[in-house]
Amino acid sequence: MQVRTDVYRAQGDDGQIYIVFRRTQIVSVKTPYGLVKKQREPKFYLGNGDLLECSGSYDTFKTVDGKLVLRLIPAKAGAVG
């Protein structure tokens, strides 16, 4: 099993900037045709490890307790890192 982690910046409804991690598990499944890699649905986490769930549009998330709503900040074109 492999885990891929992507890092994003997000702005909270409190005006602060937060780090958001997207973790995707990739597992190898044995089939009659050989090993096939399958990707599970990604999960999003706040920088402190709290699980995030979708909240409306594709780029908006909220904490499980609903106290914080975050919107991903799009990367600038040509930005590296």
PDB file of N, CA and C in Angstrom:
ATOM      1  N   MET A   1       0.841  -1.172   0.000  1.00  0.00           N
ATOM      2  CA  MET A   1       0.000   0.000   0.000  1.00  0.00           C
ATOM      3  C   MET A   1       0.892   1.243   0.000  1.00  0.00           C
ATOM      4  N   GLN A   2       0.520   2.212  -0.811  1.00  0.00           N
ATOM      5  CA  GLN A   2       1.209   3.488  -0.866  1.00  0.00           C
ATOM      6  C   GLN A   2       0.237   4.582  -0.443  1.00  0.00           C
ATOM      7  N   VAL A   3       0.777   5.626   0.134  1.00  0.00           N
ATOM      8  CA  VAL A   3      -0.036   6.784   0.486  1.00  0.00           C
ATOM      9  C   VAL A   3       0.593   8.004  -0.171  1.00  0.00           C
ATOM     10  N   ARG A   4      -0.210   8.706  -0.943  1.00  0.00           N
ATOM     11  CA  ARG A   4       0.244   9.930  -1.593  1.00  0.00           C
ATOM     12  C   ARG A   4      -0.351  11.107  -0.828  1.00  0.00           C
ATOM     13  N   THR A   5       0.485  12.082  -0.506  1.00  0.00           N
ATOM     14  CA  THR A   5       0.031  13.251   0.242  1.00  0.00           C
ATOM     15  C   THR A   5       0.295  14.513  -0.574  1.00  0.00           C
ATOM     16  N   ASP A   6      -0.754  15.295  -0.775  1.00  0.00           N
ATOM     17  CA  ASP A   6      -0.644  16.587  -1.438  1.00  0.00           C
ATOM     18  C   ASP A   6      -0.945  17.662  -0.403  1.00  0.00           C
ATOM     19  N   VAL A   7      -0.295  18.804  -0.540  1.00  0.00           N
ATOM     20  CA  VAL A   7      -0.442  19.891   0.428  1.00  0.00           C
ATOM     21  C   VAL A   7      -1.086  21.094  -0.258  1.00  0.00           C
ATOM     22  N   TYR A   8      -2.069  21.681   0.410  1.00  0.00           N
ATOM     23  CA  TYR A   8      -2.774  22.850  -0.101  1.00  0.00           C
ATOM     24  C   TYR A   8      -2.841  23.921   0.970  1.00  0.00           C
ATOM     25  N   ARG A   9      -3.046  25.159   0.532  1.00  0.00           N
ATOM     26  CA  ARG A   9      -3.345  26.246   1.459  1.00  0.00           C
ATOM     27  C   ARG A   9      -4.838  26.497   1.382  1.00  0.00           C
ATOM     28  N   ALA A  10      -5.420  26.868   2.507  1.00  0.00           N
ATOM     29  CA  ALA A  10      -6.845  27.172   2.536  1.00  0.00           C
ATOM     30  C   ALA A  10      -7.077  28.342   3.477  1.00  0.00           C
ATOM     31  N   GLN A  11      -8.117  29.105   3.173  1.00  0.00           N
ATOM     32  CA  GLN A  11      -8.485  30.213   4.045  1.00  0.00           C
ATOM     33  C   GLN A  11      -9.743  29.830   4.801  1.00  0.00           C
ATOM     34  N   GLY A  12      -9.681  29.996   6.119  1.00  0.00           N
ATOM     35  CA  GLY A  12     -10.817  29.671   6.959  1.00  0.00           C
ATOM     36  C   GLY A  12     -11.811  30.803   7.010  1.00  0.00           C
ATOM     37  N   ASP A  13     -13.024  30.488   7.476  1.00  0.00           N
ATOM     38  CA  ASP A  13     -14.033  31.535   7.598  1.00  0.00           C
ATOM     39  C   ASP A  13     -13.680  32.535   8.691  1.00  0.00           C
ATOM     40  N   ASP A  14     -12.624  32.231   9.466  1.00  0.00           N
ATOM     41  CA  ASP A  14     -12.128  33.171  10.469  1.00  0.00           C
ATOM     42  C   ASP A  14     -11.040  34.087   9.908  1.00  0.00           C
ATOM     43  N   GLY A  15     -10.719  33.923   8.601  1.00  0.00           N
ATOM     44  CA  GLY A  15      -9.737  34.777   7.947  1.00  0.00           C
ATOM     45  C   GLY A  15      -8.311  34.264   7.987  1.00  0.00           C
ATOM     46  N   GLN A  16      -8.036  33.226   8.770  1.00  0.00           N
ATOM     47  CA  GLN A  16      -6.677  32.685   8.871  1.00  0.00           C
ATOM     48  C   GLN A  16      -6.377  31.748   7.704  1.00  0.00           C
ATOM     49  N   ILE A  17      -5.078  31.571   7.428  1.00  0.00           N
ATOM     50  CA  ILE A  17      -4.619  30.636   6.404  1.00  0.00           C
ATOM     51  C   ILE A  17      -4.238  29.331   7.096  1.00  0.00           C
ATOM     52  N   TYR A  18      -4.682  28.211   6.527  1.00  0.00           N
ATOM     53  CA  TYR A  18      -4.429  26.893   7.094  1.00  0.00           C
ATOM     54  C   TYR A  18      -3.769  26.001   6.054  1.00  0.00           C
ATOM     55  N   ILE A  19      -3.092  24.979   6.533  1.00  0.00           N
ATOM     56  CA  ILE A  19      -2.527  23.937   5.680  1.00  0.00           C
ATOM     57  C   ILE A  19      -3.526  22.786   5.654  1.00  0.00           C
ATOM     58  N   VAL A  20      -3.796  22.272   4.437  1.00  0.00           N
ATOM     59  CA  VAL A  20      -4.706  21.141   4.271  1.00  0.00           C
ATOM     60  C   VAL A  20      -3.945  20.046   3.538  1.00  0.00           C
ATOM     61  N   PHE A  21      -4.049  18.822   4.045  1.00  0.00           N
ATOM     62  CA  PHE A  21      -3.419  17.662   3.412  1.00  0.00           C
ATOM     63  C   PHE A  21      -4.482  16.823   2.719  1.00  0.00           C
ATOM     64  N   ARG A  22      -4.177  16.370   1.502  1.00  0.00           N
ATOM     65  CA  ARG A  22      -5.031  15.395   0.821  1.00  0.00           C
ATOM     66  C   ARG A  22      -4.249  14.096   0.764  1.00  0.00           C
ATOM     67  N   ARG A  23      -4.774  13.075   1.399  1.00  0.00           N
ATOM     68  CA  ARG A  23      -4.098  11.776   1.426  1.00  0.00           C
ATOM     69  C   ARG A  23      -4.889  10.777   0.599  1.00  0.00           C
ATOM     70  N   THR A  24      -4.199  10.127  -0.314  1.00  0.00           N
ATOM     71  CA  THR A  24      -4.816   9.150  -1.194  1.00  0.00           C
ATOM     72  C   THR A  24      -4.080   7.827  -1.036  1.00  0.00           C
ATOM     73  N   GLN A  25      -4.823   6.757  -0.738  1.00  0.00           N
ATOM     74  CA  GLN A  25      -4.223   5.429  -0.624  1.00  0.00           C
ATOM     75  C   GLN A  25      -4.266   4.743  -1.980  1.00  0.00           C
ATOM     76  N   ILE A  26      -3.159   4.132  -2.327  1.00  0.00           N
ATOM     77  CA  ILE A  26      -3.071   3.364  -3.560  1.00  0.00           C
ATOM     78  C   ILE A  26      -2.717   1.931  -3.158  1.00  0.00           C
ATOM     79  N   VAL A  27      -3.594   0.999  -3.528  1.00  0.00           N
ATOM     80  CA  VAL A  27      -3.387  -0.396  -3.160  1.00  0.00           C
ATOM     81  C   VAL A  27      -3.252  -1.235  -4.423  1.00  0.00           C
ATOM     82  N   SER A  28      -2.473  -2.300  -4.329  1.00  0.00           N
ATOM     83  CA  SER A  28      -2.335  -3.237  -5.428  1.00  0.00           C
ATOM     84  C   SER A  28      -3.277  -4.403  -5.190  1.00  0.00           C
ATOM     85  N   VAL A  29      -4.093  -4.703  -6.199  1.00  0.00           N
ATOM     86  CA  VAL A  29      -5.079  -5.783  -6.099  1.00  0.00           C
ATOM     87  C   VAL A  29      -4.672  -6.880  -7.075  1.00  0.00           C
ATOM     88  N   LYS A  30      -4.647  -8.107  -6.558  1.00  0.00           N
ATOM     89  CA  LYS A  30      -4.267  -9.235  -7.398  1.00  0.00           C
ATOM     90  C   LYS A  30      -5.475  -9.685  -8.215  1.00  0.00           C
ATOM     91  N   THR A  31      -5.327  -9.709  -9.536  1.00  0.00           N
ATOM     92  CA  THR A  31      -6.390 -10.157 -10.436  1.00  0.00           C
ATOM     93  C   THR A  31      -5.840 -11.289 -11.301  1.00  0.00           C
ATOM     94  N   PRO A  32      -6.704 -11.978 -12.028  1.00  0.00           N
ATOM     95  CA  PRO A  32      -6.202 -13.027 -12.934  1.00  0.00           C
ATOM     96  C   PRO A  32      -5.243 -12.489 -13.997  1.00  0.00           C
ATOM     97  N   TYR A  33      -5.271 -11.171 -14.219  1.00  0.00           N
ATOM     98  CA  TYR A  33      -4.416 -10.556 -15.235  1.00  0.00           C
ATOM     99  C   TYR A  33      -3.151  -9.959 -14.641  1.00  0.00           C
ATOM    100  N   GLY A  34      -2.954 -10.135 -13.352  1.00  0.00           N
ATOM    101  CA  GLY A  34      -1.785  -9.586 -12.686  1.00  0.00           C
ATOM    102  C   GLY A  34      -2.189  -8.540 -11.652  1.00  0.00           C
ATOM    103  N   LEU A  35      -1.194  -7.838 -11.124  1.00  0.00           N
ATOM    104  CA  LEU A  35      -1.469  -6.812 -10.131  1.00  0.00           C
ATOM    105  C   LEU A  35      -2.015  -5.542 -10.798  1.00  0.00           C
ATOM    106  N   VAL A  36      -3.062  -5.011 -10.200  1.00  0.00           N
ATOM    107  CA  VAL A  36      -3.669  -3.778 -10.692  1.00  0.00           C
ATOM    108  C   VAL A  36      -3.685  -2.786  -9.543  1.00  0.00           C
ATOM    109  N   LYS A  37      -3.230  -1.547  -9.812  1.00  0.00           N
ATOM    110  CA  LYS A  37      -3.241  -0.521  -8.771  1.00  0.00           C
ATOM    111  C   LYS A  37      -4.600   0.161  -8.746  1.00  0.00           C
ATOM    112  N   LYS A  38      -5.173   0.256  -7.561  1.00  0.00           N
ATOM    113  CA  LYS A  38      -6.459   0.931  -7.368  1.00  0.00           C
ATOM    114  C   LYS A  38      -6.256   2.077  -6.401  1.00  0.00           C
ATOM    115  N   GLN A  39      -6.914   3.173  -6.687  1.00  0.00           N
ATOM    116  CA  GLN A  39      -6.791   4.370  -5.854  1.00  0.00           C
ATOM    117  C   GLN A  39      -8.092   4.564  -5.089  1.00  0.00           C
ATOM    118  N   ARG A  40      -7.972   4.683  -3.765  1.00  0.00           N
ATOM    119  CA  ARG A  40      -9.148   4.949  -2.950  1.00  0.00           C
ATOM    120  C   ARG A  40      -9.468   6.438  -2.979  1.00  0.00           C
ATOM    121  N   GLU A  41     -10.705   6.771  -2.635  1.00  0.00           N
ATOM    122  CA  GLU A  41     -11.109   8.174  -2.619  1.00  0.00           C
ATOM    123  C   GLU A  41     -10.247   8.941  -1.623  1.00  0.00           C
ATOM    124  N   PRO A  42      -9.744  10.117  -2.021  1.00  0.00           N
ATOM    125  CA  PRO A  42      -8.872  10.871  -1.116  1.00  0.00           C
ATOM    126  C   PRO A  42      -9.616  11.394   0.108  1.00  0.00           C
ATOM    127  N   LYS A  43      -8.864  11.545   1.200  1.00  0.00           N
ATOM    128  CA  LYS A  43      -9.392  12.140   2.419  1.00  0.00           C
ATOM    129  C   LYS A  43      -8.599  13.417   2.687  1.00  0.00           C
ATOM    130  N   PHE A  44      -9.278  14.411   3.212  1.00  0.00           N
ATOM    131  CA  PHE A  44      -8.667  15.699   3.485  1.00  0.00           C
ATOM    132  C   PHE A  44      -8.537  15.896   4.990  1.00  0.00           C
ATOM    133  N   TYR A  45      -7.379  16.445   5.404  1.00  0.00           N
ATOM    134  CA  TYR A  45      -7.095  16.670   6.817  1.00  0.00           C
ATOM    135  C   TYR A  45      -6.574  18.082   7.018  1.00  0.00           C
ATOM    136  N   LEU A  46      -6.923  18.675   8.131  1.00  0.00           N
ATOM    137  CA  LEU A  46      -6.363  19.947   8.541  1.00  0.00           C
ATOM    138  C   LEU A  46      -4.927  19.702   8.997  1.00  0.00           C
ATOM    139  N   GLY A  47      -4.106  20.715   9.013  1.00  0.00           N
ATOM    140  CA  GLY A  47      -2.701  20.570   9.392  1.00  0.00           C
ATOM    141  C   GLY A  47      -2.494  19.912  10.745  1.00  0.00           C
ATOM    142  N   ASN A  48      -3.437  20.046  11.670  1.00  0.00           N
ATOM    143  CA  ASN A  48      -3.297  19.423  12.991  1.00  0.00           C
ATOM    144  C   ASN A  48      -3.807  17.987  13.023  1.00  0.00           C
ATOM    145  N   GLY A  49      -4.262  17.463  11.873  1.00  0.00           N
ATOM    146  CA  GLY A  49      -4.708  16.077  11.797  1.00  0.00           C
ATOM    147  C   GLY A  49      -6.211  15.884  11.850  1.00  0.00           C
ATOM    148  N   ASP A  50      -6.978  16.958  12.072  1.00  0.00           N
ATOM    149  CA  ASP A  50      -8.436  16.834  12.109  1.00  0.00           C
ATOM    150  C   ASP A  50      -8.970  16.505  10.720  1.00  0.00           C
ATOM    151  N   LEU A  51      -9.887  15.551  10.656  1.00  0.00           N
ATOM    152  CA  LEU A  51     -10.511  15.149   9.402  1.00  0.00           C
ATOM    153  C   LEU A  51     -11.435  16.259   8.902  1.00  0.00           C
ATOM    154  N   LEU A  52     -11.419  16.488   7.600  1.00  0.00           N
ATOM    155  CA  LEU A  52     -12.301  17.476   6.979  1.00  0.00           C
ATOM    156  C   LEU A  52     -13.310  16.748   6.109  1.00  0.00           C
ATOM    157  N   GLU A  53     -14.497  17.324   5.977  1.00  0.00           N
ATOM    158  CA  GLU A  53     -15.504  16.757   5.088  1.00  0.00           C
ATOM    159  C   GLU A  53     -15.953  17.828   4.100  1.00  0.00           C
ATOM    160  N   CYS A  54     -16.471  17.384   2.949  1.00  0.00           N
ATOM    161  CA  CYS A  54     -16.923  18.321   1.923  1.00  0.00           C
ATOM    162  C   CYS A  54     -18.050  19.185   2.449  1.00  0.00           C
ATOM    163  N   SER A  55     -18.080  20.425   1.971  1.00  0.00           N
ATOM    164  CA  SER A  55     -19.102  21.363   2.413  1.00  0.00           C
ATOM    165  C   SER A  55     -19.528  22.217   1.227  1.00  0.00           C
ATOM    166  N   GLY A  56     -20.440  21.714   0.441  1.00  0.00           N
ATOM    167  CA  GLY A  56     -20.921  22.494  -0.697  1.00  0.00           C
ATOM    168  C   GLY A  56     -20.117  22.237  -1.952  1.00  0.00           C
ATOM    169  N   SER A  57     -19.353  23.228  -2.379  1.00  0.00           N
ATOM    170  CA  SER A  57     -18.610  23.105  -3.637  1.00  0.00           C
ATOM    171  C   SER A  57     -17.355  22.243  -3.462  1.00  0.00           C
ATOM    172  N   TYR A  58     -16.718  21.933  -4.590  1.00  0.00           N
ATOM    173  CA  TYR A  58     -15.570  21.025  -4.596  1.00  0.00           C
ATOM    174  C   TYR A  58     -14.368  21.549  -3.830  1.00  0.00           C
ATOM    175  N   ASP A  59     -14.272  22.857  -3.612  1.00  0.00           N
ATOM    176  CA  ASP A  59     -13.097  23.423  -2.959  1.00  0.00           C
ATOM    177  C   ASP A  59     -13.387  23.935  -1.553  1.00  0.00           C
ATOM    178  N   THR A  60     -14.508  23.538  -0.984  1.00  0.00           N
ATOM    179  CA  THR A  60     -14.899  23.994   0.349  1.00  0.00           C
ATOM    180  C   THR A  60     -15.034  22.799   1.281  1.00  0.00           C
ATOM    181  N   PHE A  61     -14.439  22.916   2.455  1.00  0.00           N
ATOM    182  CA  PHE A  61     -14.456  21.843   3.435  1.00  0.00           C
ATOM    183  C   PHE A  61     -14.810  22.402   4.805  1.00  0.00           C
ATOM    184  N   LYS A  62     -15.240  21.520   5.691  1.00  0.00           N
ATOM    185  CA  LYS A  62     -15.509  21.929   7.069  1.00  0.00           C
ATOM    186  C   LYS A  62     -14.993  20.849   8.006  1.00  0.00           C
ATOM    187  N   THR A  63     -14.688  21.259   9.228  1.00  0.00           N
ATOM    188  CA  THR A  63     -14.295  20.286  10.237  1.00  0.00           C
ATOM    189  C   THR A  63     -15.523  19.466  10.605  1.00  0.00           C
ATOM    190  N   VAL A  64     -15.295  18.284  11.157  1.00  0.00           N
ATOM    191  CA  VAL A  64     -16.389  17.375  11.482  1.00  0.00           C
ATOM    192  C   VAL A  64     -17.385  18.024  12.451  1.00  0.00           C
ATOM    193  N   ASP A  65     -16.877  18.814  13.397  1.00  0.00           N
ATOM    194  CA  ASP A  65     -17.774  19.474  14.348  1.00  0.00           C
ATOM    195  C   ASP A  65     -18.437  20.722  13.761  1.00  0.00           C
ATOM    196  N   GLY A  66     -18.038  21.124  12.544  1.00  0.00           N
ATOM    197  CA  GLY A  66     -18.658  22.239  11.850  1.00  0.00           C
ATOM    198  C   GLY A  66     -18.242  23.619  12.331  1.00  0.00           C
ATOM    199  N   LYS A  67     -17.240  23.695  13.197  1.00  0.00           N
ATOM    200  CA  LYS A  67     -16.825  24.987  13.746  1.00  0.00           C
ATOM    201  C   LYS A  67     -15.995  25.817  12.785  1.00  0.00           C
ATOM    202  N   LEU A  68     -15.363  25.170  11.797  1.00  0.00           N
ATOM    203  CA  LEU A  68     -14.475  25.882  10.873  1.00  0.00           C
ATOM    204  C   LEU A  68     -14.787  25.462   9.450  1.00  0.00           C
ATOM    205  N   VAL A  69     -14.980  26.425   8.578  1.00  0.00           N
ATOM    206  CA  VAL A  69     -15.190  26.167   7.154  1.00  0.00           C
ATOM    207  C   VAL A  69     -13.982  26.720   6.406  1.00  0.00           C
ATOM    208  N   LEU A  70     -13.436  25.916   5.493  1.00  0.00           N
ATOM    209  CA  LEU A  70     -12.232  26.283   4.749  1.00  0.00           C
ATOM    210  C   LEU A  70     -12.501  26.270   3.257  1.00  0.00           C
ATOM    211  N   ARG A  71     -11.842  27.188   2.549  1.00  0.00           N
ATOM    212  CA  ARG A  71     -11.900  27.187   1.091  1.00  0.00           C
ATOM    213  C   ARG A  71     -10.473  27.123   0.570  1.00  0.00           C
ATOM    214  N   LEU A  72     -10.199  26.141  -0.304  1.00  0.00           N
ATOM    215  CA  LEU A  72      -8.855  25.991  -0.851  1.00  0.00           C
ATOM    216  C   LEU A  72      -8.467  27.227  -1.652  1.00  0.00           C
ATOM    217  N   ILE A  73      -7.210  27.602  -1.528  1.00  0.00           N
ATOM    218  CA  ILE A  73      -6.657  28.731  -2.290  1.00  0.00           C
ATOM    219  C   ILE A  73      -6.008  28.156  -3.528  1.00  0.00           C
ATOM    220  N   PRO A  74      -6.488  28.550  -4.725  1.00  0.00           N
ATOM    221  CA  PRO A  74      -5.907  27.975  -5.959  1.00  0.00           C
ATOM    222  C   PRO A  74      -4.447  28.376  -6.117  1.00  0.00           C
ATOM    223  N   ALA A  75      -3.650  27.440  -6.635  1.00  0.00           N
ATOM    224  CA  ALA A  75      -2.237  27.735  -6.877  1.00  0.00           C
ATOM    225  C   ALA A  75      -2.130  28.711  -8.035  1.00  0.00           C
ATOM    226  N   LYS A  76      -1.147  29.584  -7.950  1.00  0.00           N
ATOM    227  CA  LYS A  76      -0.917  30.537  -9.033  1.00  0.00           C
ATOM    228  C   LYS A  76      -0.318  29.794 -10.240  1.00  0.00           C
ATOM    229  N   ALA A  77      -0.671  30.216 -11.429  1.00  0.00           N
ATOM    230  CA  ALA A  77      -0.151  29.587 -12.645  1.00  0.00           C
ATOM    231  C   ALA A  77       1.360  29.738 -12.680  1.00  0.00           C
ATOM    232  N   GLY A  78       2.043  28.642 -12.964  1.00  0.00           N
ATOM    233  CA  GLY A  78       3.494  28.671 -13.064  1.00  0.00           C
ATOM    234  C   GLY A  78       4.210  28.562 -11.728  1.00  0.00           C
ATOM    235  N   ALA A  79       3.470  28.464 -10.633  1.00  0.00           N
ATOM    236  CA  ALA A  79       4.100  28.357  -9.304  1.00  0.00           C
ATOM    237  C   ALA A  79       4.701  26.970  -9.149  1.00  0.00           C
ATOM    238  N   VAL A  80       5.825  26.904  -8.477  1.00  0.00           N
ATOM    239  CA  VAL A  80       6.498  25.637  -8.231  1.00  0.00           C
ATOM    240  C   VAL A  80       6.523  25.421  -6.729  1.00  0.00           C
ATOM    241  N   GLY A  81       6.273  24.161  -6.318  1.00  0.00           N
ATOM    242  CA  GLY A  81       6.389  23.836  -4.906  1.00  0.00           C
ATOM    243  C   GLY A  81       5.099  23.805  -4.244  1.00  0.00           C
TER     244      GLY A  81
END
